[in-house]
């Protein structure tokens, strides 16, 4: 009987720990997503200001050395991103428009922030 009680207590503690573990994994994926988006947006702006034209693809950023590689979206586990193209310029000398923003392709909603990952 004592063994049954001990096993029951251990199972309850494990179930609580597993929920917290899953939440911490999702929080870390969200942090990586935010960092990847920040880095890519900075690279797009820097490329545009340096070259006086916006990149036409994320591969332009890689080939020009602004990124080592196109980062993987930690939510979808793919290196696919929604690219937003704009017709505004960052400087008066800019000759070409192109990518202005990048977003996740995930349709999921963050349980912590309540917003879709594709709107970040």
PDB file of N, CA and C in Angstrom:
ATOM      1  N   UNK A   1       0.810  -1.186   0.000  1.00  0.00           N
ATOM      2  CA  UNK A   1       0.000   0.000   0.000  1.00  0.00           C
ATOM      3  C   UNK A   1       0.864   1.264   0.000  1.00  0.00           C
ATOM      4  N   UNK A   2       1.902   1.242   0.806  1.00  0.00           N
ATOM      5  CA  UNK A   2       2.792   2.398   0.869  1.00  0.00           C
ATOM      6  C   UNK A   2       3.451   2.653  -0.485  1.00  0.00           C
ATOM      7  N   UNK A   3       3.811   1.602  -1.159  1.00  0.00           N
ATOM      8  CA  UNK A   3       4.433   1.736  -2.483  1.00  0.00           C
ATOM      9  C   UNK A   3       3.466   2.375  -3.468  1.00  0.00           C
ATOM     10  N   UNK A   4       2.201   2.018  -3.411  1.00  0.00           N
ATOM     11  CA  UNK A   4       1.187   2.608  -4.285  1.00  0.00           C
ATOM     12  C   UNK A   4       1.054   4.108  -4.027  1.00  0.00           C
ATOM     13  N   UNK A   5       1.090   4.509  -2.775  1.00  0.00           N
ATOM     14  CA  UNK A   5       0.980   5.929  -2.434  1.00  0.00           C
ATOM     15  C   UNK A   5       2.201   6.681  -2.931  1.00  0.00           C
ATOM     16  N   UNK A   6       3.372   6.129  -2.751  1.00  0.00           N
ATOM     17  CA  UNK A   6       4.601   6.769  -3.220  1.00  0.00           C
ATOM     18  C   UNK A   6       4.588   6.891  -4.741  1.00  0.00           C
ATOM     19  N   UNK A   7       4.186   5.849  -5.431  1.00  0.00           N
ATOM     20  CA  UNK A   7       4.115   5.893  -6.897  1.00  0.00           C
ATOM     21  C   UNK A   7       3.092   6.927  -7.370  1.00  0.00           C
ATOM     22  N   UNK A   8       1.994   7.034  -6.697  1.00  0.00           N
ATOM     23  CA  UNK A   8       0.979   8.026  -7.054  1.00  0.00           C
ATOM     24  C   UNK A   8       1.523   9.442  -6.882  1.00  0.00           C
ATOM     25  N   UNK A   9       2.212   9.686  -5.797  1.00  0.00           N
ATOM     26  CA  UNK A   9       2.797  11.012  -5.561  1.00  0.00           C
ATOM     27  C   UNK A   9       3.841  11.320  -6.626  1.00  0.00           C
ATOM     28  N   UNK A  10       4.665  10.351  -6.963  1.00  0.00           N
ATOM     29  CA  UNK A  10       5.685  10.555  -8.003  1.00  0.00           C
ATOM     30  C   UNK A  10       5.024  10.864  -9.339  1.00  0.00           C
ATOM     31  N   UNK A  11       3.958  10.162  -9.691  1.00  0.00           N
ATOM     32  CA  UNK A  11       3.258  10.410 -10.963  1.00  0.00           C
ATOM     33  C   UNK A  11       2.652  11.814 -10.997  1.00  0.00           C
ATOM     34  N   UNK A  12       2.102  12.252  -9.882  1.00  0.00           N
ATOM     35  CA  UNK A  12       1.530  13.603  -9.826  1.00  0.00           C
ATOM     36  C   UNK A  12       2.626  14.646 -10.023  1.00  0.00           C
ATOM     37  N   UNK A  13       3.743  14.481  -9.360  1.00  0.00           N
ATOM     38  CA  UNK A  13       4.854  15.427  -9.505  1.00  0.00           C
ATOM     39  C   UNK A  13       5.402  15.423 -10.927  1.00  0.00           C
ATOM     40  N   UNK A  14       5.493  14.262 -11.544  1.00  0.00           N
ATOM     41  CA  UNK A  14       5.978  14.180 -12.926  1.00  0.00           C
ATOM     42  C   UNK A  14       5.028  14.865 -13.898  1.00  0.00           C
ATOM     43  N   UNK A  15       3.742  14.717 -13.671  1.00  0.00           N
ATOM     44  CA  UNK A  15       2.789  15.370 -14.575  1.00  0.00           C
ATOM     45  C   UNK A  15       2.872  16.889 -14.458  1.00  0.00           C
ATOM     46  N   UNK A  16       3.069  17.395 -13.255  1.00  0.00           N
ATOM     47  CA  UNK A  16       3.238  18.840 -13.075  1.00  0.00           C
ATOM     48  C   UNK A  16       4.520  19.333 -13.725  1.00  0.00           C
ATOM     49  N   UNK A  17       5.581  18.588 -13.562  1.00  0.00           N
ATOM     50  CA  UNK A  17       6.877  18.983 -14.129  1.00  0.00           C
ATOM     51  C   UNK A  17       6.839  18.949 -15.647  1.00  0.00           C
ATOM     52  N   UNK A  18       6.152  17.977 -16.222  1.00  0.00           N
ATOM     53  CA  UNK A  18       6.124  17.872 -17.680  1.00  0.00           C
ATOM     54  C   UNK A  18       5.396  19.057 -18.306  1.00  0.00           C
ATOM     55  N   UNK A  19       4.316  19.541 -17.663  1.00  0.00           N
ATOM     56  CA  UNK A  19       3.611  20.725 -18.169  1.00  0.00           C
ATOM     57  C   UNK A  19       4.493  21.955 -18.148  1.00  0.00           C
ATOM     58  N   UNK A  20       5.222  22.149 -17.071  1.00  0.00           N
ATOM     59  CA  UNK A  20       6.137  23.288 -16.976  1.00  0.00           C
ATOM     60  C   UNK A  20       7.258  23.181 -18.000  1.00  0.00           C
ATOM     61  N   UNK A  21       7.720  21.976 -18.223  1.00  0.00           N
ATOM     62  CA  UNK A  21       8.791  21.754 -19.202  1.00  0.00           C
ATOM     63  C   UNK A  21       8.319  22.137 -20.607  1.00  0.00           C
ATOM     64  N   UNK A  22       7.115  21.732 -20.988  1.00  0.00           N
ATOM     65  CA  UNK A  22       6.578  22.062 -22.314  1.00  0.00           C
ATOM     66  C   UNK A  22       6.406  23.574 -22.469  1.00  0.00           C
ATOM     67  N   UNK A  23       5.953  24.229 -21.424  1.00  0.00           N
ATOM     68  CA  UNK A  23       5.789  25.684 -21.473  1.00  0.00           C
ATOM     69  C   UNK A  23       7.134  26.389 -21.633  1.00  0.00           C
ATOM     70  N   UNK A  24       8.152  25.888 -20.942  1.00  0.00           N
ATOM     71  CA  UNK A  24       9.466  26.530 -21.049  1.00  0.00           C
ATOM     72  C   UNK A  24      10.064  26.313 -22.440  1.00  0.00           C
ATOM     73  N   UNK A  25       9.812  25.176 -23.043  1.00  0.00           N
ATOM     74  CA  UNK A  25      10.291  24.939 -24.407  1.00  0.00           C
ATOM     75  C   UNK A  25       9.613  25.910 -25.371  1.00  0.00           C
ATOM     76  N   UNK A  26       8.307  26.077 -25.244  1.00  0.00           N
ATOM     77  CA  UNK A  26       7.594  26.999 -26.127  1.00  0.00           C
ATOM     78  C   UNK A  26       8.061  28.434 -25.911  1.00  0.00           C
ATOM     79  N   UNK A  27       8.289  28.813 -24.676  1.00  0.00           N
ATOM     80  CA  UNK A  27       8.803  30.176 -24.403  1.00  0.00           C
ATOM     81  C   UNK A  27      10.171  30.392 -25.055  1.00  0.00           C
ATOM     82  N   UNK A  28      11.028  29.383 -25.006  1.00  0.00           N
ATOM     83  CA  UNK A  28      12.347  29.531 -25.617  1.00  0.00           C
ATOM     84  C   UNK A  28      12.234  29.600 -27.133  1.00  0.00           C
ATOM     85  N   UNK A  29      11.304  28.848 -27.732  1.00  0.00           N
ATOM     86  CA  UNK A  29      11.095  28.944 -29.184  1.00  0.00           C
ATOM     87  C   UNK A  29      10.605  30.332 -29.566  1.00  0.00           C
ATOM     88  N   UNK A  30       9.724  30.890 -28.761  1.00  0.00           N
ATOM     89  CA  UNK A  30       9.244  32.242 -29.037  1.00  0.00           C
ATOM     90  C   UNK A  30      10.368  33.265 -28.926  1.00  0.00           C
ATOM     91  N   UNK A  31      11.247  33.096 -27.960  1.00  0.00           N
ATOM     92  CA  UNK A  31      12.388  34.010 -27.819  1.00  0.00           C
ATOM     93  C   UNK A  31      13.308  33.909 -29.033  1.00  0.00           C
ATOM     94  N   UNK A  32      13.538  32.705 -29.512  1.00  0.00           N
ATOM     95  CA  UNK A  32      14.377  32.523 -30.706  1.00  0.00           C
ATOM     96  C   UNK A  32      13.703  33.140 -31.922  1.00  0.00           C
ATOM     97  N   UNK A  33      12.388  32.972 -32.051  1.00  0.00           N
ATOM     98  CA  UNK A  33      11.658  33.575 -33.168  1.00  0.00           C
ATOM     99  C   UNK A  33      11.799  35.096 -33.149  1.00  0.00           C
ATOM    100  N   UNK A  34      11.613  35.703 -31.980  1.00  0.00           N
ATOM    101  CA  UNK A  34      11.750  37.162 -31.876  1.00  0.00           C
ATOM    102  C   UNK A  34      13.161  37.611 -32.252  1.00  0.00           C
ATOM    103  N   UNK A  35      14.164  36.869 -31.802  1.00  0.00           N
ATOM    104  CA  UNK A  35      15.547  37.224 -32.123  1.00  0.00           C
ATOM    105  C   UNK A  35      15.819  37.078 -33.617  1.00  0.00           C
ATOM    106  N   UNK A  36      15.346  35.989 -34.225  1.00  0.00           N
ATOM    107  CA  UNK A  36      15.537  35.788 -35.662  1.00  0.00           C
ATOM    108  C   UNK A  36      14.879  36.900 -36.470  1.00  0.00           C
ATOM    109  N   UNK A  37      13.663  37.271 -36.091  1.00  0.00           N
ATOM    110  CA  UNK A  37      12.969  38.351 -36.794  1.00  0.00           C
ATOM    111  C   UNK A  37      13.732  39.669 -36.646  1.00  0.00           C
ATOM    112  N   UNK A  38      14.210  39.950 -35.452  1.00  0.00           N
ATOM    113  CA  UNK A  38      14.973  41.178 -35.220  1.00  0.00           C
ATOM    114  C   UNK A  38      16.238  41.216 -36.083  1.00  0.00           C
ATOM    115  N   UNK A  39      16.976  40.118 -36.100  1.00  0.00           N
ATOM    116  CA  UNK A  39      18.228  40.065 -36.861  1.00  0.00           C
ATOM    117  C   UNK A  39      17.954  40.219 -38.358  1.00  0.00           C
ATOM    118  N   UNK A  40      16.935  39.537 -38.854  1.00  0.00           N
ATOM    119  CA  UNK A  40      16.641  39.644 -40.292  1.00  0.00           C
ATOM    120  C   UNK A  40      16.161  41.040 -40.660  1.00  0.00           C
ATOM    121  N   UNK A  41      15.353  41.648 -39.817  1.00  0.00           N
ATOM    122  CA  UNK A  41      14.882  43.012 -40.098  1.00  0.00           C
ATOM    123  C   UNK A  41      16.040  44.004 -40.083  1.00  0.00           C
ATOM    124  N   UNK A  42      16.961  43.832 -39.136  1.00  0.00           N
ATOM    125  CA  UNK A  42      18.148  44.691 -39.102  1.00  0.00           C
ATOM    126  C   UNK A  42      18.987  44.482 -40.366  1.00  0.00           C
ATOM    127  N   UNK A  43      19.146  43.231 -40.797  1.00  0.00           N
ATOM    128  CA  UNK A  43      19.938  42.942 -41.995  1.00  0.00           C
ATOM    129  C   UNK A  43      19.286  43.539 -43.234  1.00  0.00           C
ATOM    130  N   UNK A  44      17.965  43.476 -43.324  1.00  0.00           N
ATOM    131  CA  UNK A  44      17.252  44.072 -44.462  1.00  0.00           C
ATOM    132  C   UNK A  44      17.486  45.574 -44.500  1.00  0.00           C
ATOM    133  N   UNK A  45      17.349  46.233 -43.365  1.00  0.00           N
ATOM    134  CA  UNK A  45      17.563  47.684 -43.314  1.00  0.00           C
ATOM    135  C   UNK A  45      19.006  48.044 -43.632  1.00  0.00           C
ATOM    136  N   UNK A  46      19.954  47.311 -43.081  1.00  0.00           N
ATOM    137  CA  UNK A  46      21.365  47.610 -43.323  1.00  0.00           C
ATOM    138  C   UNK A  46      21.730  47.386 -44.793  1.00  0.00           C
ATOM    139  N   UNK A  47      21.253  46.296 -45.372  1.00  0.00           N
ATOM    140  CA  UNK A  47      21.494  46.006 -46.786  1.00  0.00           C
ATOM    141  C   UNK A  47      20.933  47.143 -47.646  1.00  0.00           C
ATOM    142  N   UNK A  48      19.705  47.554 -47.326  1.00  0.00           N
ATOM    143  CA  UNK A  48      19.048  48.609 -48.103  1.00  0.00           C
ATOM    144  C   UNK A  48      19.829  49.913 -48.025  1.00  0.00           C
ATOM    145  N   UNK A  49      20.297  50.266 -46.851  1.00  0.00           N
ATOM    146  CA  UNK A  49      21.043  51.514 -46.701  1.00  0.00           C
ATOM    147  C   UNK A  49      22.427  51.425 -47.343  1.00  0.00           C
ATOM    148  N   UNK A  50      23.085  50.274 -47.251  1.00  0.00           N
ATOM    149  CA  UNK A  50      24.423  50.124 -47.824  1.00  0.00           C
ATOM    150  C   UNK A  50      24.399  50.052 -49.344  1.00  0.00           C
ATOM    151  N   UNK A  51      23.474  49.290 -49.895  1.00  0.00           N
ATOM    152  CA  UNK A  51      23.430  49.053 -51.345  1.00  0.00           C
ATOM    153  C   UNK A  51      22.548  50.044 -52.085  1.00  0.00           C
ATOM    154  N   UNK A  52      21.809  50.851 -51.340  1.00  0.00           N
ATOM    155  CA  UNK A  52      20.857  51.804 -51.909  1.00  0.00           C
ATOM    156  C   UNK A  52      19.766  51.121 -52.730  1.00  0.00           C
ATOM    157  N   UNK A  53      19.494  49.862 -52.393  1.00  0.00           N
ATOM    158  CA  UNK A  53      18.368  49.134 -52.968  1.00  0.00           C
ATOM    159  C   UNK A  53      17.996  48.025 -51.998  1.00  0.00           C
ATOM    160  N   UNK A  54      16.712  47.734 -51.932  1.00  0.00           N
ATOM    161  CA  UNK A  54      16.238  46.709 -51.003  1.00  0.00           C
ATOM    162  C   UNK A  54      16.519  45.322 -51.575  1.00  0.00           C
ATOM    163  N   UNK A  55      16.732  44.334 -50.712  1.00  0.00           N
ATOM    164  CA  UNK A  55      16.943  42.972 -51.204  1.00  0.00           C
ATOM    165  C   UNK A  55      15.661  42.427 -51.831  1.00  0.00           C
ATOM    166  N   UNK A  56      15.825  41.583 -52.830  1.00  0.00           N
ATOM    167  CA  UNK A  56      14.682  40.967 -53.492  1.00  0.00           C
ATOM    168  C   UNK A  56      14.333  39.617 -52.880  1.00  0.00           C
ATOM    169  N   UNK A  57      15.273  39.025 -52.135  1.00  0.00           N
ATOM    170  CA  UNK A  57      15.038  37.751 -51.453  1.00  0.00           C
ATOM    171  C   UNK A  57      15.971  37.680 -50.240  1.00  0.00           C
ATOM    172  N   UNK A  58      15.707  36.730 -49.364  1.00  0.00           N
ATOM    173  CA  UNK A  58      16.591  36.552 -48.215  1.00  0.00           C
ATOM    174  C   UNK A  58      17.942  36.001 -48.648  1.00  0.00           C
ATOM    175  N   UNK A  59      17.979  35.326 -49.787  1.00  0.00           N
ATOM    176  CA  UNK A  59      19.250  34.823 -50.312  1.00  0.00           C
ATOM    177  C   UNK A  59      20.186  35.975 -50.692  1.00  0.00           C
ATOM    178  N   UNK A  60      19.634  37.131 -51.059  1.00  0.00           N
ATOM    179  CA  UNK A  60      20.470  38.310 -51.323  1.00  0.00           C
ATOM    180  C   UNK A  60      21.241  38.714 -50.067  1.00  0.00           C
ATOM    181  N   UNK A  61      20.593  38.597 -48.910  1.00  0.00           N
ATOM    182  CA  UNK A  61      21.251  38.943 -47.644  1.00  0.00           C
ATOM    183  C   UNK A  61      22.371  37.960 -47.326  1.00  0.00           C
ATOM    184  N   UNK A  62      22.155  36.692 -47.655  1.00  0.00           N
ATOM    185  CA  UNK A  62      23.167  35.669 -47.400  1.00  0.00           C
ATOM    186  C   UNK A  62      24.353  35.854 -48.338  1.00  0.00           C
ATOM    187  N   UNK A  63      24.070  36.044 -49.625  1.00  0.00           N
ATOM    188  CA  UNK A  63      25.164  36.166 -50.601  1.00  0.00           C
ATOM    189  C   UNK A  63      25.975  37.443 -50.393  1.00  0.00           C
ATOM    190  N   UNK A  64      25.363  38.483 -49.831  1.00  0.00           N
ATOM    191  CA  UNK A  64      26.080  39.729 -49.570  1.00  0.00           C
ATOM    192  C   UNK A  64      26.777  39.711 -48.210  1.00  0.00           C
ATOM    193  N   UNK A  65      26.578  38.663 -47.423  1.00  0.00           N
ATOM    194  CA  UNK A  65      27.271  38.543 -46.153  1.00  0.00           C
ATOM    195  C   UNK A  65      26.564  39.182 -44.969  1.00  0.00           C
ATOM    196  N   UNK A  66      25.323  39.597 -45.127  1.00  0.00           N
ATOM    197  CA  UNK A  66      24.598  40.198 -44.013  1.00  0.00           C
ATOM    198  C   UNK A  66      24.033  39.134 -43.077  1.00  0.00           C
ATOM    199  N   UNK A  67      23.818  37.929 -43.606  1.00  0.00           N
ATOM    200  CA  UNK A  67      23.411  36.767 -42.815  1.00  0.00           C
ATOM    201  C   UNK A  67      24.291  35.594 -43.228  1.00  0.00           C
ATOM    202  N   UNK A  68      24.616  34.720 -42.293  1.00  0.00           N
ATOM    203  CA  UNK A  68      25.375  33.512 -42.657  1.00  0.00           C
ATOM    204  C   UNK A  68      24.498  32.531 -43.407  1.00  0.00           C
ATOM    205  N   UNK A  69      23.269  32.420 -42.975  1.00  0.00           N
ATOM    206  CA  UNK A  69      22.283  31.577 -43.642  1.00  0.00           C
ATOM    207  C   UNK A  69      20.904  32.082 -43.253  1.00  0.00           C
ATOM    208  N   UNK A  70      19.904  31.668 -44.015  1.00  0.00           N
ATOM    209  CA  UNK A  70      18.536  32.042 -43.670  1.00  0.00           C
ATOM    210  C   UNK A  70      18.148  31.243 -42.432  1.00  0.00           C
ATOM    211  N   UNK A  71      17.781  31.923 -41.347  1.00  0.00           N
ATOM    212  CA  UNK A  71      17.471  31.202 -40.112  1.00  0.00           C
ATOM    213  C   UNK A  71      16.207  30.352 -40.240  1.00  0.00           C
ATOM    214  N   UNK A  72      16.137  29.348 -39.398  1.00  0.00           N
ATOM    215  CA  UNK A  72      14.980  28.467 -39.351  1.00  0.00           C
ATOM    216  C   UNK A  72      13.953  29.056 -38.393  1.00  0.00           C
ATOM    217  N   UNK A  73      12.706  29.055 -38.817  1.00  0.00           N
ATOM    218  CA  UNK A  73      11.627  29.481 -37.937  1.00  0.00           C
ATOM    219  C   UNK A  73      11.443  28.393 -36.877  1.00  0.00           C
ATOM    220  N   UNK A  74      11.675  28.692 -35.604  1.00  0.00           N
ATOM    221  CA  UNK A  74      11.597  27.651 -34.573  1.00  0.00           C
ATOM    222  C   UNK A  74      10.186  27.126 -34.343  1.00  0.00           C
ATOM    223  N   UNK A  75       9.182  27.847 -34.768  1.00  0.00           N
ATOM    224  CA  UNK A  75       7.804  27.392 -34.579  1.00  0.00           C
ATOM    225  C   UNK A  75       7.433  26.373 -35.652  1.00  0.00           C
ATOM    226  N   UNK A  76       7.833  26.622 -36.907  1.00  0.00           N
ATOM    227  CA  UNK A  76       7.494  25.708 -38.004  1.00  0.00           C
ATOM    228  C   UNK A  76       8.628  24.745 -38.335  1.00  0.00           C
ATOM    229  N   UNK A  77       9.814  25.011 -37.815  1.00  0.00           N
ATOM    230  CA  UNK A  77      11.019  24.211 -38.098  1.00  0.00           C
ATOM    231  C   UNK A  77      11.385  24.200 -39.582  1.00  0.00           C
ATOM    232  N   UNK A  78      11.098  25.299 -40.273  1.00  0.00           N
ATOM    233  CA  UNK A  78      11.466  25.445 -41.681  1.00  0.00           C
ATOM    234  C   UNK A  78      12.090  26.827 -41.883  1.00  0.00           C
ATOM    235  N   UNK A  79      12.930  26.925 -42.879  1.00  0.00           N
ATOM    236  CA  UNK A  79      13.555  28.216 -43.197  1.00  0.00           C
ATOM    237  C   UNK A  79      12.705  28.968 -44.219  1.00  0.00           C
ATOM    238  N   UNK A  80      11.411  28.969 -43.997  1.00  0.00           N
ATOM    239  CA  UNK A  80      10.470  29.668 -44.870  1.00  0.00           C
ATOM    240  C   UNK A  80       9.839  30.811 -44.095  1.00  0.00           C
ATOM    241  N   UNK A  81       9.785  31.966 -44.742  1.00  0.00           N
ATOM    242  CA  UNK A  81       9.278  33.166 -44.090  1.00  0.00           C
ATOM    243  C   UNK A  81       8.314  33.882 -45.021  1.00  0.00           C
ATOM    244  N   UNK A  82       7.341  34.600 -44.457  1.00  0.00           N
ATOM    245  CA  UNK A  82       6.488  35.477 -45.250  1.00  0.00           C
ATOM    246  C   UNK A  82       7.242  36.781 -45.455  1.00  0.00           C
ATOM    247  N   UNK A  83       7.490  37.103 -46.711  1.00  0.00           N
ATOM    248  CA  UNK A  83       8.212  38.329 -47.035  1.00  0.00           C
ATOM    249  C   UNK A  83       7.214  39.411 -47.408  1.00  0.00           C
ATOM    250  N   UNK A  84       7.422  40.592 -46.872  1.00  0.00           N
ATOM    251  CA  UNK A  84       6.585  41.740 -47.210  1.00  0.00           C
ATOM    252  C   UNK A  84       7.398  42.696 -48.069  1.00  0.00           C
ATOM    253  N   UNK A  85       6.828  43.041 -49.196  1.00  0.00           N
ATOM    254  CA  UNK A  85       7.480  43.964 -50.117  1.00  0.00           C
ATOM    255  C   UNK A  85       6.805  45.317 -50.007  1.00  0.00           C
ATOM    256  N   UNK A  86       7.602  46.359 -50.028  1.00  0.00           N
ATOM    257  CA  UNK A  86       7.070  47.702 -49.921  1.00  0.00           C
ATOM    258  C   UNK A  86       7.604  48.581 -51.025  1.00  0.00           C
ATOM    259  N   UNK A  87       6.922  49.686 -51.252  1.00  0.00           N
ATOM    260  CA  UNK A  87       7.366  50.608 -52.288  1.00  0.00           C
ATOM    261  C   UNK A  87       7.895  51.909 -51.707  1.00  0.00           C
ATOM    262  N   UNK A  88       8.270  51.893 -50.433  1.00  0.00           N
ATOM    263  CA  UNK A  88       8.859  53.082 -49.836  1.00  0.00           C
ATOM    264  C   UNK A  88      10.374  52.910 -49.756  1.00  0.00           C
ATOM    265  N   UNK A  89      11.073  54.030 -49.633  1.00  0.00           N
ATOM    266  CA  UNK A  89      12.534  54.017 -49.603  1.00  0.00           C
ATOM    267  C   UNK A  89      13.021  54.480 -48.232  1.00  0.00           C
ATOM    268  N   UNK A  90      14.200  53.990 -47.846  1.00  0.00           N
ATOM    269  CA  UNK A  90      14.783  54.374 -46.557  1.00  0.00           C
ATOM    270  C   UNK A  90      15.693  55.588 -46.677  1.00  0.00           C
ATOM    271  N   UNK A  91      16.154  55.853 -47.875  1.00  0.00           N
ATOM    272  CA  UNK A  91      17.014  57.026 -48.076  1.00  0.00           C
ATOM    273  C   UNK A  91      16.690  57.634 -49.437  1.00  0.00           C
ATOM    274  N   UNK A  92      17.018  58.911 -49.631  1.00  0.00           N
ATOM    275  CA  UNK A  92      16.717  59.558 -50.908  1.00  0.00           C
ATOM    276  C   UNK A  92      17.491  58.958 -52.087  1.00  0.00           C
ATOM    277  N   UNK A  93      18.628  58.326 -51.807  1.00  0.00           N
ATOM    278  CA  UNK A  93      19.439  57.757 -52.874  1.00  0.00           C
ATOM    279  C   UNK A  93      19.032  56.341 -53.251  1.00  0.00           C
ATOM    280  N   UNK A  94      18.068  55.763 -52.560  1.00  0.00           N
ATOM    281  CA  UNK A  94      17.671  54.379 -52.838  1.00  0.00           C
ATOM    282  C   UNK A  94      17.055  54.277 -54.225  1.00  0.00           C
ATOM    283  N   UNK A  95      17.539  53.313 -55.001  1.00  0.00           N
ATOM    284  CA  UNK A  95      17.119  53.187 -56.394  1.00  0.00           C
ATOM    285  C   UNK A  95      16.080  52.104 -56.630  1.00  0.00           C
ATOM    286  N   UNK A  96      15.958  51.142 -55.733  1.00  0.00           N
ATOM    287  CA  UNK A  96      15.099  49.998 -55.972  1.00  0.00           C
ATOM    288  C   UNK A  96      14.364  49.625 -54.691  1.00  0.00           C
ATOM    289  N   UNK A  97      13.113  49.227 -54.808  1.00  0.00           N
ATOM    290  CA  UNK A  97      12.367  48.753 -53.651  1.00  0.00           C
ATOM    291  C   UNK A  97      12.380  47.227 -53.628  1.00  0.00           C
ATOM    292  N   UNK A  98      11.988  46.657 -52.514  1.00  0.00           N
ATOM    293  CA  UNK A  98      11.998  45.202 -52.380  1.00  0.00           C
ATOM    294  C   UNK A  98      11.459  44.799 -51.017  1.00  0.00           C
ATOM    295  N   UNK A  99      12.126  43.846 -50.388  1.00  0.00           N
ATOM    296  CA  UNK A  99      11.681  43.348 -49.088  1.00  0.00           C
ATOM    297  C   UNK A  99      11.807  44.453 -48.039  1.00  0.00           C
ATOM    298  N   UNK A 100      10.737  44.641 -47.292  1.00  0.00           N
ATOM    299  CA  UNK A 100      10.763  45.625 -46.211  1.00  0.00           C
ATOM    300  C   UNK A 100      10.545  44.985 -44.842  1.00  0.00           C
ATOM    301  N   UNK A 101       9.982  43.770 -44.819  1.00  0.00           N
ATOM    302  CA  UNK A 101       9.709  43.123 -43.550  1.00  0.00           C
ATOM    303  C   UNK A 101       9.636  41.615 -43.761  1.00  0.00           C
ATOM    304  N   UNK A 102       9.765  40.890 -42.677  1.00  0.00           N
ATOM    305  CA  UNK A 102       9.700  39.435 -42.707  1.00  0.00           C
ATOM    306  C   UNK A 102       8.882  38.980 -41.503  1.00  0.00           C
ATOM    307  N   UNK A 103       8.062  37.942 -41.718  1.00  0.00           N
ATOM    308  CA  UNK A 103       7.209  37.423 -40.650  1.00  0.00           C
ATOM    309  C   UNK A 103       7.197  35.898 -40.699  1.00  0.00           C
ATOM    310  N   UNK A 104       6.773  35.283 -39.615  1.00  0.00           N
ATOM    311  CA  UNK A 104       6.671  33.831 -39.524  1.00  0.00           C
ATOM    312  C   UNK A 104       5.528  33.333 -40.408  1.00  0.00           C
ATOM    313  N   UNK A 105       5.646  32.117 -40.900  1.00  0.00           N
ATOM    314  CA  UNK A 105       4.578  31.500 -41.685  1.00  0.00           C
ATOM    315  C   UNK A 105       3.609  30.709 -40.824  1.00  0.00           C
ATOM    316  N   UNK A 106       3.861  30.650 -39.532  1.00  0.00           N
ATOM    317  CA  UNK A 106       3.030  29.850 -38.627  1.00  0.00           C
ATOM    318  C   UNK A 106       1.669  30.505 -38.409  1.00  0.00           C
ATOM    319  N   UNK A 107       0.579  29.739 -38.563  1.00  0.00           N
ATOM    320  CA  UNK A 107      -0.746  30.283 -38.279  1.00  0.00           C
ATOM    321  C   UNK A 107      -1.109  30.193 -36.789  1.00  0.00           C
ATOM    322  N   UNK A 108      -0.249  29.593 -35.985  1.00  0.00           N
ATOM    323  CA  UNK A 108      -0.527  29.379 -34.560  1.00  0.00           C
ATOM    324  C   UNK A 108      -0.530  30.690 -33.787  1.00  0.00           C
ATOM    325  N   UNK A 109      -1.196  30.658 -32.661  1.00  0.00           N
ATOM    326  CA  UNK A 109      -1.285  31.819 -31.770  1.00  0.00           C
ATOM    327  C   UNK A 109      -0.454  31.531 -30.518  1.00  0.00           C
ATOM    328  N   UNK A 110       0.295  32.517 -30.089  1.00  0.00           N
ATOM    329  CA  UNK A 110       1.095  32.386 -28.878  1.00  0.00           C
ATOM    330  C   UNK A 110       0.174  32.316 -27.663  1.00  0.00           C
ATOM    331  N   UNK A 111       0.307  31.284 -26.836  1.00  0.00           N
ATOM    332  CA  UNK A 111      -0.526  31.231 -25.637  1.00  0.00           C
ATOM    333  C   UNK A 111      -0.107  32.257 -24.579  1.00  0.00           C
ATOM    334  N   UNK A 112       1.089  32.800 -24.715  1.00  0.00           N
ATOM    335  CA  UNK A 112       1.596  33.747 -23.733  1.00  0.00           C
ATOM    336  C   UNK A 112       1.245  35.190 -24.092  1.00  0.00           C
ATOM    337  N   UNK A 113       1.272  35.498 -25.392  1.00  0.00           N
ATOM    338  CA  UNK A 113       1.003  36.871 -25.817  1.00  0.00           C
ATOM    339  C   UNK A 113      -0.357  37.042 -26.467  1.00  0.00           C
ATOM    340  N   UNK A 114      -0.990  35.939 -26.853  1.00  0.00           N
ATOM    341  CA  UNK A 114      -2.324  35.995 -27.435  1.00  0.00           C
ATOM    342  C   UNK A 114      -2.374  36.508 -28.861  1.00  0.00           C
ATOM    343  N   UNK A 115      -1.228  36.607 -29.521  1.00  0.00           N
ATOM    344  CA  UNK A 115      -1.176  37.094 -30.899  1.00  0.00           C
ATOM    345  C   UNK A 115      -0.617  35.999 -31.799  1.00  0.00           C
ATOM    346  N   UNK A 116      -1.051  36.021 -33.032  1.00  0.00           N
ATOM    347  CA  UNK A 116      -0.564  35.059 -34.004  1.00  0.00           C
ATOM    348  C   UNK A 116       0.913  35.312 -34.284  1.00  0.00           C
ATOM    349  N   UNK A 117       1.679  34.228 -34.440  1.00  0.00           N
ATOM    350  CA  UNK A 117       3.106  34.383 -34.735  1.00  0.00           C
ATOM    351  C   UNK A 117       3.322  35.116 -36.052  1.00  0.00           C
ATOM    352  N   UNK A 118       2.372  35.013 -36.963  1.00  0.00           N
ATOM    353  CA  UNK A 118       2.521  35.672 -38.261  1.00  0.00           C
ATOM    354  C   UNK A 118       2.333  37.181 -38.190  1.00  0.00           C
ATOM    355  N   UNK A 119       1.941  37.698 -37.027  1.00  0.00           N
ATOM    356  CA  UNK A 119       1.789  39.149 -36.880  1.00  0.00           C
ATOM    357  C   UNK A 119       2.966  39.788 -36.155  1.00  0.00           C
ATOM    358  N   UNK A 120       3.894  38.969 -35.671  1.00  0.00           N
ATOM    359  CA  UNK A 120       5.044  39.516 -34.941  1.00  0.00           C
ATOM    360  C   UNK A 120       5.978  40.235 -35.868  1.00  0.00           C
TER     361      UNK A 120
END
